[in-house]
């Protein structure tokens, strides 16, 4: 199983329209608002549907 699929499963991301890619070393522990948190860093991609250009009047 790829890192991306494993993390999406762990985070319970069910939306098939979300296209996210995680690198191998994407998980870090960082302090956030006084708490130690697990931070996932990835690339979110969105490919919009193409629509024909409307004429400009």
C-alpha atoms as a PDB file:
ATOM      1  CA  UNK A   1       0.000   0.000   0.000  1.00  0.00           C
ATOM      2  CA  UNK A   2       1.374   3.435  -0.899  1.00  0.00           C
ATOM      3  CA  UNK A   3       2.084   6.097   1.715  1.00  0.00           C
ATOM      4  CA  UNK A   4      -0.666   8.268   0.278  1.00  0.00           C
ATOM      5  CA  UNK A   5      -3.342   5.562   0.468  1.00  0.00           C
ATOM      6  CA  UNK A   6      -2.271   4.551   3.971  1.00  0.00           C
ATOM      7  CA  UNK A   7      -2.439   8.134   5.272  1.00  0.00           C
ATOM      8  CA  UNK A   8      -5.785   8.819   3.549  1.00  0.00           C
ATOM      9  CA  UNK A   9      -7.135   5.664   5.189  1.00  0.00           C
ATOM     10  CA  UNK A  10      -5.692   6.630   8.592  1.00  0.00           C
ATOM     11  CA  UNK A  11      -7.205  10.129   8.376  1.00  0.00           C
ATOM     12  CA  UNK A  12     -10.491   8.663   7.073  1.00  0.00           C
ATOM     13  CA  UNK A  13     -10.454  10.775   3.884  1.00  0.00           C
ATOM     14  CA  UNK A  14     -13.271   9.214   1.875  1.00  0.00           C
ATOM     15  CA  UNK A  15     -13.860  11.871  -0.792  1.00  0.00           C
ATOM     16  CA  UNK A  16     -12.619  10.496  -4.118  1.00  0.00           C
ATOM     17  CA  UNK A  17     -12.379  14.039  -5.522  1.00  0.00           C
ATOM     18  CA  UNK A  18      -9.546  14.867  -3.125  1.00  0.00           C
ATOM     19  CA  UNK A  19      -6.267  14.254  -4.924  1.00  0.00           C
ATOM     20  CA  UNK A  20      -3.493  14.504  -2.355  1.00  0.00           C
ATOM     21  CA  UNK A  21       0.034  13.157  -2.450  1.00  0.00           C
ATOM     22  CA  UNK A  22       2.249  12.521   0.579  1.00  0.00           C
ATOM     23  CA  UNK A  23       6.005  12.055   0.305  1.00  0.00           C
ATOM     24  CA  UNK A  24       7.777   9.279   2.214  1.00  0.00           C
ATOM     25  CA  UNK A  25       8.887  11.540   5.104  1.00  0.00           C
ATOM     26  CA  UNK A  26       5.717  13.610   5.407  1.00  0.00           C
ATOM     27  CA  UNK A  27       4.961  13.110   9.109  1.00  0.00           C
ATOM     28  CA  UNK A  28       6.581  15.294  11.758  1.00  0.00           C
ATOM     29  CA  UNK A  29       5.958  16.078  15.413  1.00  0.00           C
ATOM     30  CA  UNK A  30       5.671  19.811  16.003  1.00  0.00           C
ATOM     31  CA  UNK A  31       4.553  22.043  18.819  1.00  0.00           C
ATOM     32  CA  UNK A  32       1.313  23.844  17.908  1.00  0.00           C
ATOM     33  CA  UNK A  33      -0.529  26.083  20.381  1.00  0.00           C
ATOM     34  CA  UNK A  34       1.367  24.516  23.270  1.00  0.00           C
ATOM     35  CA  UNK A  35       0.611  20.914  22.249  1.00  0.00           C
ATOM     36  CA  UNK A  36       2.808  18.344  20.522  1.00  0.00           C
ATOM     37  CA  UNK A  37       0.957  17.398  17.318  1.00  0.00           C
ATOM     38  CA  UNK A  38       1.476  15.072  14.389  1.00  0.00           C
ATOM     39  CA  UNK A  39       1.703  17.185  11.227  1.00  0.00           C
ATOM     40  CA  UNK A  40       1.153  15.629   7.800  1.00  0.00           C
ATOM     41  CA  UNK A  41       2.617  17.603   4.902  1.00  0.00           C
ATOM     42  CA  UNK A  42       1.427  16.829   1.390  1.00  0.00           C
ATOM     43  CA  UNK A  43       0.495  18.281  -1.966  1.00  0.00           C
ATOM     44  CA  UNK A  44      -3.164  18.913  -2.674  1.00  0.00           C
ATOM     45  CA  UNK A  45      -4.067  18.977  -6.356  1.00  0.00           C
ATOM     46  CA  UNK A  46      -7.290  20.145  -7.937  1.00  0.00           C
ATOM     47  CA  UNK A  47      -8.071  19.764 -11.619  1.00  0.00           C
ATOM     48  CA  UNK A  48     -11.089  21.897 -12.514  1.00  0.00           C
ATOM     49  CA  UNK A  49     -13.472  20.841 -15.229  1.00  0.00           C
ATOM     50  CA  UNK A  50     -12.988  22.666 -18.507  1.00  0.00           C
ATOM     51  CA  UNK A  51     -15.740  24.952 -19.707  1.00  0.00           C
ATOM     52  CA  UNK A  52     -15.818  26.718 -23.071  1.00  0.00           C
ATOM     53  CA  UNK A  53     -15.016  30.405 -22.842  1.00  0.00           C
ATOM     54  CA  UNK A  54     -18.027  32.653 -22.925  1.00  0.00           C
ATOM     55  CA  UNK A  55     -17.970  35.421 -25.527  1.00  0.00           C
ATOM     56  CA  UNK A  56     -17.092  38.856 -24.200  1.00  0.00           C
ATOM     57  CA  UNK A  57     -19.527  41.574 -25.318  1.00  0.00           C
END
